[in-house]
């Protein structure tokens, strides 16, 4: 009789194509902050070009206050750091396969971060 543990398949041993299909149902936060850090197999699957044709940040909004002097807006440090982390991690995982960026109207993106993204 076979040992029951030999029939159990580990998540990290799943085929990359299957993992990518599963990962397509997760949002950008889950991909960049959790899933990509589970194990090397999952990180490799998170780098698949199918996941990174479009980076949709439409659900992200900045906490900001309009001010009358330059730079005309004050962005809360927490929302700015969150955007920077998500964007840089996404760019790293996309490995240059990103074709489209979608931003929310109320998402403040600094010139430096936009330049970094474009390069």
PDB file of N, CA and C in Angstrom:
ATOM      1  N   UNK A   1       0.833  -1.176   0.000  1.00  0.00           N
ATOM      2  CA  UNK A   1       0.000   0.000   0.000  1.00  0.00           C
ATOM      3  C   UNK A   1       0.883   1.246   0.000  1.00  0.00           C
ATOM      4  N   UNK A   2       0.534   2.189  -0.864  1.00  0.00           N
ATOM      5  CA  UNK A   2       1.325   3.416  -0.988  1.00  0.00           C
ATOM      6  C   UNK A   2       1.080   4.343   0.184  1.00  0.00           C
ATOM      7  N   UNK A   3       2.119   5.029   0.552  1.00  0.00           N
ATOM      8  CA  UNK A   3       2.001   6.022   1.613  1.00  0.00           C
ATOM      9  C   UNK A   3       1.152   7.189   1.115  1.00  0.00           C
ATOM     10  N   UNK A   4       0.202   7.649   1.925  1.00  0.00           N
ATOM     11  CA  UNK A   4      -0.708   8.723   1.483  1.00  0.00           C
ATOM     12  C   UNK A   4       0.032  10.032   1.228  1.00  0.00           C
ATOM     13  N   UNK A   5       1.163  10.243   1.876  1.00  0.00           N
ATOM     14  CA  UNK A   5       1.924  11.482   1.669  1.00  0.00           C
ATOM     15  C   UNK A   5       2.536  11.548   0.273  1.00  0.00           C
ATOM     16  N   UNK A   6       2.792  10.421  -0.335  1.00  0.00           N
ATOM     17  CA  UNK A   6       3.384  10.426  -1.669  1.00  0.00           C
ATOM     18  C   UNK A   6       2.389  10.904  -2.725  1.00  0.00           C
ATOM     19  N   UNK A   7       1.100  10.880  -2.402  1.00  0.00           N
ATOM     20  CA  UNK A   7       0.078  11.338  -3.329  1.00  0.00           C
ATOM     21  C   UNK A   7      -0.183  12.837  -3.224  1.00  0.00           C
ATOM     22  N   UNK A   8       0.299  13.437  -2.163  1.00  0.00           N
ATOM     23  CA  UNK A   8       0.092  14.868  -1.947  1.00  0.00           C
ATOM     24  C   UNK A   8       1.107  15.647  -2.771  1.00  0.00           C
ATOM     25  N   UNK A   9       0.604  16.608  -3.505  1.00  0.00           N
ATOM     26  CA  UNK A   9       1.485  17.434  -4.332  1.00  0.00           C
ATOM     27  C   UNK A   9       1.635  18.800  -3.683  1.00  0.00           C
ATOM     28  N   UNK A  10       2.845  19.289  -3.623  1.00  0.00           N
ATOM     29  CA  UNK A  10       3.100  20.584  -2.994  1.00  0.00           C
ATOM     30  C   UNK A  10       2.790  21.699  -3.977  1.00  0.00           C
ATOM     31  N   UNK A  11       2.308  22.845  -3.436  1.00  0.00           N
ATOM     32  CA  UNK A  11       1.948  23.992  -4.266  1.00  0.00           C
ATOM     33  C   UNK A  11       3.119  24.479  -5.108  1.00  0.00           C
ATOM     34  N   UNK A  12       4.296  24.511  -4.540  1.00  0.00           N
ATOM     35  CA  UNK A  12       5.448  25.022  -5.287  1.00  0.00           C
ATOM     36  C   UNK A  12       5.880  24.086  -6.411  1.00  0.00           C
ATOM     37  N   UNK A  13       5.365  22.851  -6.397  1.00  0.00           N
ATOM     38  CA  UNK A  13       5.688  21.895  -7.453  1.00  0.00           C
ATOM     39  C   UNK A  13       4.707  21.938  -8.621  1.00  0.00           C
ATOM     40  N   UNK A  14       3.690  22.794  -8.527  1.00  0.00           N
ATOM     41  CA  UNK A  14       2.742  22.921  -9.640  1.00  0.00           C
ATOM     42  C   UNK A  14       3.440  23.478 -10.874  1.00  0.00           C
ATOM     43  N   UNK A  15       2.957  23.102 -12.011  1.00  0.00           N
ATOM     44  CA  UNK A  15       3.480  23.609 -13.271  1.00  0.00           C
ATOM     45  C   UNK A  15       3.341  25.136 -13.310  1.00  0.00           C
ATOM     46  N   UNK A  16       4.334  25.816 -13.855  1.00  0.00           N
ATOM     47  CA  UNK A  16       4.334  27.280 -13.911  1.00  0.00           C
ATOM     48  C   UNK A  16       3.103  27.819 -14.624  1.00  0.00           C
ATOM     49  N   UNK A  17       2.679  27.172 -15.700  1.00  0.00           N
ATOM     50  CA  UNK A  17       1.493  27.632 -16.432  1.00  0.00           C
ATOM     51  C   UNK A  17       0.235  27.602 -15.557  1.00  0.00           C
ATOM     52  N   UNK A  18       0.142  26.595 -14.714  1.00  0.00           N
ATOM     53  CA  UNK A  18      -1.009  26.502 -13.809  1.00  0.00           C
ATOM     54  C   UNK A  18      -0.940  27.608 -12.763  1.00  0.00           C
ATOM     55  N   UNK A  19       0.258  27.833 -12.214  1.00  0.00           N
ATOM     56  CA  UNK A  19       0.423  28.911 -11.235  1.00  0.00           C
ATOM     57  C   UNK A  19       0.074  30.264 -11.841  1.00  0.00           C
ATOM     58  N   UNK A  20       0.525  30.517 -13.065  1.00  0.00           N
ATOM     59  CA  UNK A  20       0.227  31.791 -13.736  1.00  0.00           C
ATOM     60  C   UNK A  20      -1.276  31.958 -13.899  1.00  0.00           C
ATOM     61  N   UNK A  21      -1.948  30.901 -14.308  1.00  0.00           N
ATOM     62  CA  UNK A  21      -3.411  30.961 -14.469  1.00  0.00           C
ATOM     63  C   UNK A  21      -4.093  31.303 -13.141  1.00  0.00           C
ATOM     64  N   UNK A  22      -3.629  30.698 -12.068  1.00  0.00           N
ATOM     65  CA  UNK A  22      -4.173  30.991 -10.738  1.00  0.00           C
ATOM     66  C   UNK A  22      -3.858  32.430 -10.347  1.00  0.00           C
ATOM     67  N   UNK A  23      -2.624  32.867 -10.578  1.00  0.00           N
ATOM     68  CA  UNK A  23      -2.191  34.206 -10.170  1.00  0.00           C
ATOM     69  C   UNK A  23      -2.909  35.316 -10.938  1.00  0.00           C
ATOM     70  N   UNK A  24      -3.450  35.007 -12.100  1.00  0.00           N
ATOM     71  CA  UNK A  24      -4.183  36.015 -12.866  1.00  0.00           C
ATOM     72  C   UNK A  24      -5.437  36.491 -12.134  1.00  0.00           C
ATOM     73  N   UNK A  25      -5.903  35.724 -11.176  1.00  0.00           N
ATOM     74  CA  UNK A  25      -7.107  36.120 -10.436  1.00  0.00           C
ATOM     75  C   UNK A  25      -6.802  37.029  -9.243  1.00  0.00           C
ATOM     76  N   UNK A  26      -5.530  37.255  -8.956  1.00  0.00           N
ATOM     77  CA  UNK A  26      -5.147  38.100  -7.826  1.00  0.00           C
ATOM     78  C   UNK A  26      -4.899  39.532  -8.271  1.00  0.00           C
ATOM     79  N   UNK A  27      -5.041  40.464  -7.332  1.00  0.00           N
ATOM     80  CA  UNK A  27      -4.792  41.867  -7.676  1.00  0.00           C
ATOM     81  C   UNK A  27      -3.310  42.216  -7.494  1.00  0.00           C
ATOM     82  N   UNK A  28      -2.975  43.430  -7.866  1.00  0.00           N
ATOM     83  CA  UNK A  28      -1.586  43.886  -7.869  1.00  0.00           C
ATOM     84  C   UNK A  28      -0.965  43.848  -6.473  1.00  0.00           C
ATOM     85  N   UNK A  29      -1.746  44.174  -5.440  1.00  0.00           N
ATOM     86  CA  UNK A  29      -1.220  44.146  -4.069  1.00  0.00           C
ATOM     87  C   UNK A  29      -0.826  42.738  -3.664  1.00  0.00           C
ATOM     88  N   UNK A  30      -1.671  41.777  -3.985  1.00  0.00           N
ATOM     89  CA  UNK A  30      -1.397  40.397  -3.615  1.00  0.00           C
ATOM     90  C   UNK A  30      -0.190  39.852  -4.369  1.00  0.00           C
ATOM     91  N   UNK A  31      -0.058  40.210  -5.631  1.00  0.00           N
ATOM     92  CA  UNK A  31       1.091  39.742  -6.414  1.00  0.00           C
ATOM     93  C   UNK A  31       2.401  40.326  -5.914  1.00  0.00           C
ATOM     94  N   UNK A  32       2.398  41.625  -5.608  1.00  0.00           N
ATOM     95  CA  UNK A  32       3.651  42.292  -5.257  1.00  0.00           C
ATOM     96  C   UNK A  32       4.041  42.152  -3.795  1.00  0.00           C
ATOM     97  N   UNK A  33       3.091  41.973  -2.907  1.00  0.00           N
ATOM     98  CA  UNK A  33       3.454  41.950  -1.493  1.00  0.00           C
ATOM     99  C   UNK A  33       3.414  40.567  -0.858  1.00  0.00           C
ATOM    100  N   UNK A  34       2.731  39.640  -1.458  1.00  0.00           N
ATOM    101  CA  UNK A  34       2.631  38.328  -0.838  1.00  0.00           C
ATOM    102  C   UNK A  34       3.086  37.184  -1.706  1.00  0.00           C
ATOM    103  N   UNK A  35       2.399  36.993  -2.790  1.00  0.00           N
ATOM    104  CA  UNK A  35       2.594  35.813  -3.628  1.00  0.00           C
ATOM    105  C   UNK A  35       4.020  35.682  -4.153  1.00  0.00           C
ATOM    106  N   UNK A  36       4.597  36.777  -4.598  1.00  0.00           N
ATOM    107  CA  UNK A  36       5.943  36.729  -5.185  1.00  0.00           C
ATOM    108  C   UNK A  36       7.019  36.372  -4.165  1.00  0.00           C
ATOM    109  N   UNK A  37       6.684  36.430  -2.883  1.00  0.00           N
ATOM    110  CA  UNK A  37       7.675  36.186  -1.835  1.00  0.00           C
ATOM    111  C   UNK A  37       7.512  34.833  -1.143  1.00  0.00           C
ATOM    112  N   UNK A  38       6.602  34.000  -1.629  1.00  0.00           N
ATOM    113  CA  UNK A  38       6.350  32.706  -0.986  1.00  0.00           C
ATOM    114  C   UNK A  38       7.519  31.748  -1.194  1.00  0.00           C
ATOM    115  N   UNK A  39       7.921  31.558  -2.424  1.00  0.00           N
ATOM    116  CA  UNK A  39       9.037  30.664  -2.735  1.00  0.00           C
ATOM    117  C   UNK A  39       9.565  31.023  -4.122  1.00  0.00           C
ATOM    118  N   UNK A  40      10.689  30.441  -4.494  1.00  0.00           N
ATOM    119  CA  UNK A  40      11.309  30.792  -5.778  1.00  0.00           C
ATOM    120  C   UNK A  40      10.441  30.371  -6.965  1.00  0.00           C
ATOM    121  N   UNK A  41       9.728  29.260  -6.857  1.00  0.00           N
ATOM    122  CA  UNK A  41       8.859  28.819  -7.960  1.00  0.00           C
ATOM    123  C   UNK A  41       7.712  29.801  -8.175  1.00  0.00           C
ATOM    124  N   UNK A  42       7.152  30.300  -7.079  1.00  0.00           N
ATOM    125  CA  UNK A  42       6.056  31.263  -7.196  1.00  0.00           C
ATOM    126  C   UNK A  42       6.569  32.594  -7.710  1.00  0.00           C
ATOM    127  N   UNK A  43       7.771  32.990  -7.292  1.00  0.00           N
ATOM    128  CA  UNK A  43       8.344  34.245  -7.798  1.00  0.00           C
ATOM    129  C   UNK A  43       8.585  34.137  -9.303  1.00  0.00           C
ATOM    130  N   UNK A  44       9.091  33.008  -9.742  1.00  0.00           N
ATOM    131  CA  UNK A  44       9.307  32.794 -11.172  1.00  0.00           C
ATOM    132  C   UNK A  44       7.981  32.877 -11.928  1.00  0.00           C
ATOM    133  N   UNK A  45       6.938  32.272 -11.394  1.00  0.00           N
ATOM    134  CA  UNK A  45       5.617  32.342 -12.030  1.00  0.00           C
ATOM    135  C   UNK A  45       5.089  33.775 -12.031  1.00  0.00           C
ATOM    136  N   UNK A  46       5.388  34.534 -10.982  1.00  0.00           N
ATOM    137  CA  UNK A  46       4.949  35.940 -10.908  1.00  0.00           C
ATOM    138  C   UNK A  46       5.647  36.816 -11.942  1.00  0.00           C
ATOM    139  N   UNK A  47       6.736  36.351 -12.503  1.00  0.00           N
ATOM    140  CA  UNK A  47       7.466  37.108 -13.523  1.00  0.00           C
ATOM    141  C   UNK A  47       6.987  36.795 -14.938  1.00  0.00           C
ATOM    142  N   UNK A  48       6.000  35.949 -15.066  1.00  0.00           N
ATOM    143  CA  UNK A  48       5.498  35.578 -16.388  1.00  0.00           C
ATOM    144  C   UNK A  48       4.911  36.795 -17.104  1.00  0.00           C
ATOM    145  N   UNK A  49       5.267  37.006 -18.372  1.00  0.00           N
ATOM    146  CA  UNK A  49       4.782  38.166 -19.132  1.00  0.00           C
ATOM    147  C   UNK A  49       3.257  38.280 -19.215  1.00  0.00           C
ATOM    148  N   UNK A  50       2.534  37.175 -19.128  1.00  0.00           N
ATOM    149  CA  UNK A  50       1.065  37.231 -19.176  1.00  0.00           C
ATOM    150  C   UNK A  50       0.480  38.061 -18.033  1.00  0.00           C
ATOM    151  N   UNK A  51       1.176  38.087 -16.910  1.00  0.00           N
ATOM    152  CA  UNK A  51       0.691  38.835 -15.751  1.00  0.00           C
ATOM    153  C   UNK A  51       0.998  40.323 -15.843  1.00  0.00           C
ATOM    154  N   UNK A  52       1.871  40.708 -16.768  1.00  0.00           N
ATOM    155  CA  UNK A  52       2.385  42.077 -16.757  1.00  0.00           C
ATOM    156  C   UNK A  52       2.198  42.841 -18.055  1.00  0.00           C
ATOM    157  N   UNK A  53       1.288  42.448 -18.898  1.00  0.00           N
ATOM    158  CA  UNK A  53       1.019  43.243 -20.104  1.00  0.00           C
ATOM    159  C   UNK A  53       0.473  44.605 -19.706  1.00  0.00           C
ATOM    160  N   UNK A  54      -0.422  44.606 -18.737  1.00  0.00           N
ATOM    161  CA  UNK A  54      -1.045  45.840 -18.261  1.00  0.00           C
ATOM    162  C   UNK A  54      -0.911  45.911 -16.751  1.00  0.00           C
ATOM    163  N   UNK A  55      -0.455  47.052 -16.269  1.00  0.00           N
ATOM    164  CA  UNK A  55      -0.390  47.295 -14.832  1.00  0.00           C
ATOM    165  C   UNK A  55      -1.516  48.252 -14.488  1.00  0.00           C
ATOM    166  N   UNK A  56      -2.543  47.721 -13.866  1.00  0.00           N
ATOM    167  CA  UNK A  56      -3.731  48.507 -13.543  1.00  0.00           C
ATOM    168  C   UNK A  56      -3.659  48.989 -12.099  1.00  0.00           C
ATOM    169  N   UNK A  57      -3.358  50.272 -11.943  1.00  0.00           N
ATOM    170  CA  UNK A  57      -3.296  50.893 -10.620  1.00  0.00           C
ATOM    171  C   UNK A  57      -4.520  51.767 -10.377  1.00  0.00           C
ATOM    172  N   UNK A  58      -5.597  51.485 -11.082  1.00  0.00           N
ATOM    173  CA  UNK A  58      -6.790  52.325 -10.983  1.00  0.00           C
ATOM    174  C   UNK A  58      -7.444  52.259  -9.604  1.00  0.00           C
ATOM    175  N   UNK A  59      -7.125  51.225  -8.823  1.00  0.00           N
ATOM    176  CA  UNK A  59      -7.703  51.131  -7.487  1.00  0.00           C
ATOM    177  C   UNK A  59      -6.899  51.908  -6.453  1.00  0.00           C
ATOM    178  N   UNK A  60      -5.738  52.429  -6.853  1.00  0.00           N
ATOM    179  CA  UNK A  60      -4.903  53.193  -5.927  1.00  0.00           C
ATOM    180  C   UNK A  60      -5.216  54.675  -6.022  1.00  0.00           C
ATOM    181  N   UNK A  61      -5.394  55.291  -4.863  1.00  0.00           N
ATOM    182  CA  UNK A  61      -5.604  56.734  -4.792  1.00  0.00           C
ATOM    183  C   UNK A  61      -4.607  57.300  -3.796  1.00  0.00           C
ATOM    184  N   UNK A  62      -4.177  58.515  -4.025  1.00  0.00           N
ATOM    185  CA  UNK A  62      -3.259  59.173  -3.102  1.00  0.00           C
ATOM    186  C   UNK A  62      -4.034  59.939  -2.047  1.00  0.00           C
ATOM    187  N   UNK A  63      -3.476  59.982  -0.858  1.00  0.00           N
ATOM    188  CA  UNK A  63      -3.985  60.874   0.179  1.00  0.00           C
ATOM    189  C   UNK A  63      -3.230  62.181   0.000  1.00  0.00           C
ATOM    190  N   UNK A  64      -3.914  63.180  -0.535  1.00  0.00           N
ATOM    191  CA  UNK A  64      -3.216  64.431  -0.816  1.00  0.00           C
ATOM    192  C   UNK A  64      -4.063  65.635  -0.441  1.00  0.00           C
ATOM    193  N   UNK A  65      -3.371  66.752  -0.309  1.00  0.00           N
ATOM    194  CA  UNK A  65      -4.008  68.034  -0.019  1.00  0.00           C
ATOM    195  C   UNK A  65      -3.521  69.016  -1.066  1.00  0.00           C
ATOM    196  N   UNK A  66      -4.438  69.727  -1.699  1.00  0.00           N
ATOM    197  CA  UNK A  66      -4.054  70.760  -2.663  1.00  0.00           C
ATOM    198  C   UNK A  66      -3.580  71.988  -1.891  1.00  0.00           C
ATOM    199  N   UNK A  67      -2.468  72.562  -2.355  1.00  0.00           N
ATOM    200  CA  UNK A  67      -1.929  73.767  -1.731  1.00  0.00           C
ATOM    201  C   UNK A  67      -1.713  74.829  -2.802  1.00  0.00           C
ATOM    202  N   UNK A  68      -1.733  76.112  -2.437  1.00  0.00           N
ATOM    203  CA  UNK A  68      -1.662  77.174  -3.440  1.00  0.00           C
ATOM    204  C   UNK A  68      -0.274  77.403  -4.046  1.00  0.00           C
ATOM    205  N   UNK A  69       0.780  76.885  -3.449  1.00  0.00           N
ATOM    206  CA  UNK A  69       2.138  77.101  -3.946  1.00  0.00           C
ATOM    207  C   UNK A  69       2.714  75.809  -4.509  1.00  0.00           C
ATOM    208  N   UNK A  70       3.780  75.968  -5.294  1.00  0.00           N
ATOM    209  CA  UNK A  70       4.436  74.780  -5.845  1.00  0.00           C
ATOM    210  C   UNK A  70       4.844  73.858  -4.721  1.00  0.00           C
ATOM    211  N   UNK A  71       4.699  72.607  -4.861  1.00  0.00           N
ATOM    212  CA  UNK A  71       4.296  71.794  -6.007  1.00  0.00           C
ATOM    213  C   UNK A  71       2.787  71.664  -6.171  1.00  0.00           C
ATOM    214  N   UNK A  72       2.003  72.487  -5.501  1.00  0.00           N
ATOM    215  CA  UNK A  72       0.543  72.565  -5.620  1.00  0.00           C
ATOM    216  C   UNK A  72      -0.206  71.387  -5.017  1.00  0.00           C
ATOM    217  N   UNK A  73       0.525  70.425  -4.518  1.00  0.00           N
ATOM    218  CA  UNK A  73      -0.118  69.289  -3.876  1.00  0.00           C
ATOM    219  C   UNK A  73       0.835  68.716  -2.827  1.00  0.00           C
ATOM    220  N   UNK A  74       0.273  68.343  -1.710  1.00  0.00           N
ATOM    221  CA  UNK A  74       1.038  67.651  -0.673  1.00  0.00           C
ATOM    222  C   UNK A  74       0.499  66.231  -0.594  1.00  0.00           C
ATOM    223  N   UNK A  75       1.371  65.268  -0.814  1.00  0.00           N
ATOM    224  CA  UNK A  75       0.962  63.860  -0.799  1.00  0.00           C
ATOM    225  C   UNK A  75       1.398  63.241   0.519  1.00  0.00           C
ATOM    226  N   UNK A  76       0.472  62.562   1.160  1.00  0.00           N
ATOM    227  CA  UNK A  76       0.792  61.868   2.408  1.00  0.00           C
ATOM    228  C   UNK A  76       1.902  60.859   2.179  1.00  0.00           C
ATOM    229  N   UNK A  77       2.866  60.841   3.070  1.00  0.00           N
ATOM    230  CA  UNK A  77       4.023  59.958   2.930  1.00  0.00           C
ATOM    231  C   UNK A  77       3.667  58.490   2.821  1.00  0.00           C
ATOM    232  N   UNK A  78       2.632  58.076   3.539  1.00  0.00           N
ATOM    233  CA  UNK A  78       2.245  56.664   3.523  1.00  0.00           C
ATOM    234  C   UNK A  78       1.750  56.227   2.144  1.00  0.00           C
ATOM    235  N   UNK A  79       0.895  57.033   1.514  1.00  0.00           N
ATOM    236  CA  UNK A  79       0.377  56.646   0.198  1.00  0.00           C
ATOM    237  C   UNK A  79       1.467  56.749  -0.864  1.00  0.00           C
ATOM    238  N   UNK A  80       2.385  57.709  -0.697  1.00  0.00           N
ATOM    239  CA  UNK A  80       3.495  57.853  -1.636  1.00  0.00           C
ATOM    240  C   UNK A  80       4.434  56.649  -1.550  1.00  0.00           C
ATOM    241  N   UNK A  81       4.738  56.204  -0.342  1.00  0.00           N
ATOM    242  CA  UNK A  81       5.610  55.038  -0.155  1.00  0.00           C
ATOM    243  C   UNK A  81       4.955  53.770  -0.694  1.00  0.00           C
ATOM    244  N   UNK A  82       3.655  53.650  -0.487  1.00  0.00           N
ATOM    245  CA  UNK A  82       2.927  52.469  -0.974  1.00  0.00           C
ATOM    246  C   UNK A  82       2.970  52.408  -2.501  1.00  0.00           C
ATOM    247  N   UNK A  83       2.725  53.544  -3.152  1.00  0.00           N
ATOM    248  CA  UNK A  83       2.782  53.593  -4.611  1.00  0.00           C
ATOM    249  C   UNK A  83       4.183  53.254  -5.103  1.00  0.00           C
ATOM    250  N   UNK A  84       5.191  53.843  -4.480  1.00  0.00           N
ATOM    251  CA  UNK A  84       6.577  53.585  -4.881  1.00  0.00           C
ATOM    252  C   UNK A  84       6.908  52.105  -4.753  1.00  0.00           C
ATOM    253  N   UNK A  85       6.528  51.492  -3.632  1.00  0.00           N
ATOM    254  CA  UNK A  85       6.813  50.078  -3.418  1.00  0.00           C
ATOM    255  C   UNK A  85       6.103  49.200  -4.450  1.00  0.00           C
ATOM    256  N   UNK A  86       4.819  49.447  -4.652  1.00  0.00           N
ATOM    257  CA  UNK A  86       4.043  48.641  -5.600  1.00  0.00           C
ATOM    258  C   UNK A  86       4.585  48.806  -7.016  1.00  0.00           C
ATOM    259  N   UNK A  87       4.881  50.035  -7.401  1.00  0.00           N
ATOM    260  CA  UNK A  87       5.353  50.294  -8.757  1.00  0.00           C
ATOM    261  C   UNK A  87       6.735  49.690  -8.999  1.00  0.00           C
ATOM    262  N   UNK A  88       7.659  49.873  -8.070  1.00  0.00           N
ATOM    263  CA  UNK A  88       9.014  49.326  -8.249  1.00  0.00           C
ATOM    264  C   UNK A  88       9.012  47.800  -8.235  1.00  0.00           C
ATOM    265  N   UNK A  89       8.232  47.209  -7.344  1.00  0.00           N
ATOM    266  CA  UNK A  89       8.146  45.748  -7.309  1.00  0.00           C
ATOM    267  C   UNK A  89       7.513  45.219  -8.592  1.00  0.00           C
ATOM    268  N   UNK A  90       6.480  45.891  -9.073  1.00  0.00           N
ATOM    269  CA  UNK A  90       5.821  45.487 -10.321  1.00  0.00           C
ATOM    270  C   UNK A  90       6.775  45.575 -11.501  1.00  0.00           C
ATOM    271  N   UNK A  91       7.537  46.650 -11.558  1.00  0.00           N
ATOM    272  CA  UNK A  91       8.494  46.805 -12.655  1.00  0.00           C
ATOM    273  C   UNK A  91       9.567  45.725 -12.600  1.00  0.00           C
ATOM    274  N   UNK A  92       9.984  45.374 -11.403  1.00  0.00           N
ATOM    275  CA  UNK A  92      10.974  44.320 -11.235  1.00  0.00           C
ATOM    276  C   UNK A  92      10.409  42.970 -11.684  1.00  0.00           C
ATOM    277  N   UNK A  93       9.198  42.659 -11.256  1.00  0.00           N
ATOM    278  CA  UNK A  93       8.578  41.383 -11.625  1.00  0.00           C
ATOM    279  C   UNK A  93       8.235  41.308 -13.111  1.00  0.00           C
ATOM    280  N   UNK A  94       7.914  42.443 -13.714  1.00  0.00           N
ATOM    281  CA  UNK A  94       7.509  42.443 -15.127  1.00  0.00           C
ATOM    282  C   UNK A  94       8.673  42.185 -16.070  1.00  0.00           C
ATOM    283  N   UNK A  95       9.887  42.424 -15.599  1.00  0.00           N
ATOM    284  CA  UNK A  95      11.100  42.201 -16.407  1.00  0.00           C
ATOM    285  C   UNK A  95      11.022  42.876 -17.775  1.00  0.00           C
ATOM    286  N   UNK A  96      10.486  44.088 -17.791  1.00  0.00           N
ATOM    287  CA  UNK A  96      10.431  44.867 -19.022  1.00  0.00           C
ATOM    288  C   UNK A  96       9.288  44.519 -19.956  1.00  0.00           C
ATOM    289  N   UNK A  97       8.354  43.698 -19.527  1.00  0.00           N
ATOM    290  CA  UNK A  97       7.237  43.284 -20.382  1.00  0.00           C
ATOM    291  C   UNK A  97       5.997  44.148 -20.235  1.00  0.00           C
ATOM    292  N   UNK A  98       6.072  45.173 -19.424  1.00  0.00           N
ATOM    293  CA  UNK A  98       4.931  46.049 -19.184  1.00  0.00           C
ATOM    294  C   UNK A  98       4.667  46.920 -20.403  1.00  0.00           C
ATOM    295  N   UNK A  99       3.438  46.878 -20.900  1.00  0.00           N
ATOM    296  CA  UNK A  99       3.083  47.648 -22.089  1.00  0.00           C
ATOM    297  C   UNK A  99       2.138  48.806 -21.776  1.00  0.00           C
ATOM    298  N   UNK A 100       1.284  48.642 -20.766  1.00  0.00           N
ATOM    299  CA  UNK A 100       0.259  49.637 -20.464  1.00  0.00           C
ATOM    300  C   UNK A 100       0.192  49.894 -18.965  1.00  0.00           C
ATOM    301  N   UNK A 101       0.134  51.169 -18.607  1.00  0.00           N
ATOM    302  CA  UNK A 101      -0.061  51.578 -17.213  1.00  0.00           C
ATOM    303  C   UNK A 101      -1.399  52.281 -17.099  1.00  0.00           C
ATOM    304  N   UNK A 102      -2.183  51.921 -16.110  1.00  0.00           N
ATOM    305  CA  UNK A 102      -3.460  52.583 -15.871  1.00  0.00           C
ATOM    306  C   UNK A 102      -3.412  53.188 -14.475  1.00  0.00           C
ATOM    307  N   UNK A 103      -3.602  54.509 -14.401  1.00  0.00           N
ATOM    308  CA  UNK A 103      -3.589  55.219 -13.125  1.00  0.00           C
ATOM    309  C   UNK A 103      -4.976  55.758 -12.821  1.00  0.00           C
ATOM    310  N   UNK A 104      -5.312  55.836 -11.545  1.00  0.00           N
ATOM    311  CA  UNK A 104      -6.540  56.491 -11.110  1.00  0.00           C
ATOM    312  C   UNK A 104      -6.341  57.993 -11.245  1.00  0.00           C
ATOM    313  N   UNK A 105      -7.412  58.707 -11.542  1.00  0.00           N
ATOM    314  CA  UNK A 105      -7.350  60.161 -11.704  1.00  0.00           C
ATOM    315  C   UNK A 105      -6.796  60.842 -10.453  1.00  0.00           C
ATOM    316  N   UNK A 106      -7.124  60.330  -9.280  1.00  0.00           N
ATOM    317  CA  UNK A 106      -6.662  60.922  -8.029  1.00  0.00           C
ATOM    318  C   UNK A 106      -5.414  60.257  -7.467  1.00  0.00           C
ATOM    319  N   UNK A 107      -4.610  59.700  -8.335  1.00  0.00           N
ATOM    320  CA  UNK A 107      -3.338  59.131  -7.908  1.00  0.00           C
ATOM    321  C   UNK A 107      -2.237  60.084  -8.319  1.00  0.00           C
ATOM    322  N   UNK A 108      -1.553  60.639  -7.339  1.00  0.00           N
ATOM    323  CA  UNK A 108      -0.461  61.560  -7.634  1.00  0.00           C
ATOM    324  C   UNK A 108       0.808  60.747  -7.840  1.00  0.00           C
ATOM    325  N   UNK A 109       1.406  60.893  -9.015  1.00  0.00           N
ATOM    326  CA  UNK A 109       2.658  60.218  -9.344  1.00  0.00           C
ATOM    327  C   UNK A 109       3.699  61.301  -9.570  1.00  0.00           C
ATOM    328  N   UNK A 110       4.762  61.270  -8.789  1.00  0.00           N
ATOM    329  CA  UNK A 110       5.797  62.297  -8.919  1.00  0.00           C
ATOM    330  C   UNK A 110       6.507  62.162 -10.263  1.00  0.00           C
ATOM    331  N   UNK A 111       7.111  63.255 -10.703  1.00  0.00           N
ATOM    332  CA  UNK A 111       7.861  63.233 -11.960  1.00  0.00           C
ATOM    333  C   UNK A 111       8.992  62.214 -11.900  1.00  0.00           C
ATOM    334  N   UNK A 112       9.670  62.134 -10.747  1.00  0.00           N
ATOM    335  CA  UNK A 112      10.777  61.184 -10.597  1.00  0.00           C
ATOM    336  C   UNK A 112      10.302  59.737 -10.746  1.00  0.00           C
ATOM    337  N   UNK A 113       9.174  59.434 -10.135  1.00  0.00           N
ATOM    338  CA  UNK A 113       8.647  58.072 -10.212  1.00  0.00           C
ATOM    339  C   UNK A 113       8.148  57.745 -11.617  1.00  0.00           C
ATOM    340  N   UNK A 114       7.566  58.717 -12.270  1.00  0.00           N
ATOM    341  CA  UNK A 114       7.104  58.519 -13.643  1.00  0.00           C
ATOM    342  C   UNK A 114       8.293  58.307 -14.586  1.00  0.00           C
ATOM    343  N   UNK A 115       9.359  59.075 -14.380  1.00  0.00           N
ATOM    344  CA  UNK A 115      10.581  58.910 -15.178  1.00  0.00           C
ATOM    345  C   UNK A 115      11.195  57.539 -14.931  1.00  0.00           C
ATOM    346  N   UNK A 116      11.269  57.133 -13.673  1.00  0.00           N
ATOM    347  CA  UNK A 116      11.796  55.815 -13.318  1.00  0.00           C
ATOM    348  C   UNK A 116      10.997  54.715 -14.022  1.00  0.00           C
ATOM    349  N   UNK A 117       9.692  54.861 -14.038  1.00  0.00           N
ATOM    350  CA  UNK A 117       8.812  53.879 -14.670  1.00  0.00           C
ATOM    351  C   UNK A 117       9.034  53.825 -16.179  1.00  0.00           C
ATOM    352  N   UNK A 118       9.205  54.977 -16.787  1.00  0.00           N
ATOM    353  CA  UNK A 118       9.385  55.044 -18.241  1.00  0.00           C
ATOM    354  C   UNK A 118      10.711  54.435 -18.683  1.00  0.00           C
ATOM    355  N   UNK A 119      11.723  54.553 -17.859  1.00  0.00           N
ATOM    356  CA  UNK A 119      13.045  54.027 -18.224  1.00  0.00           C
ATOM    357  C   UNK A 119      13.046  52.528 -18.125  1.00  0.00           C
TER     358      UNK A 119
END
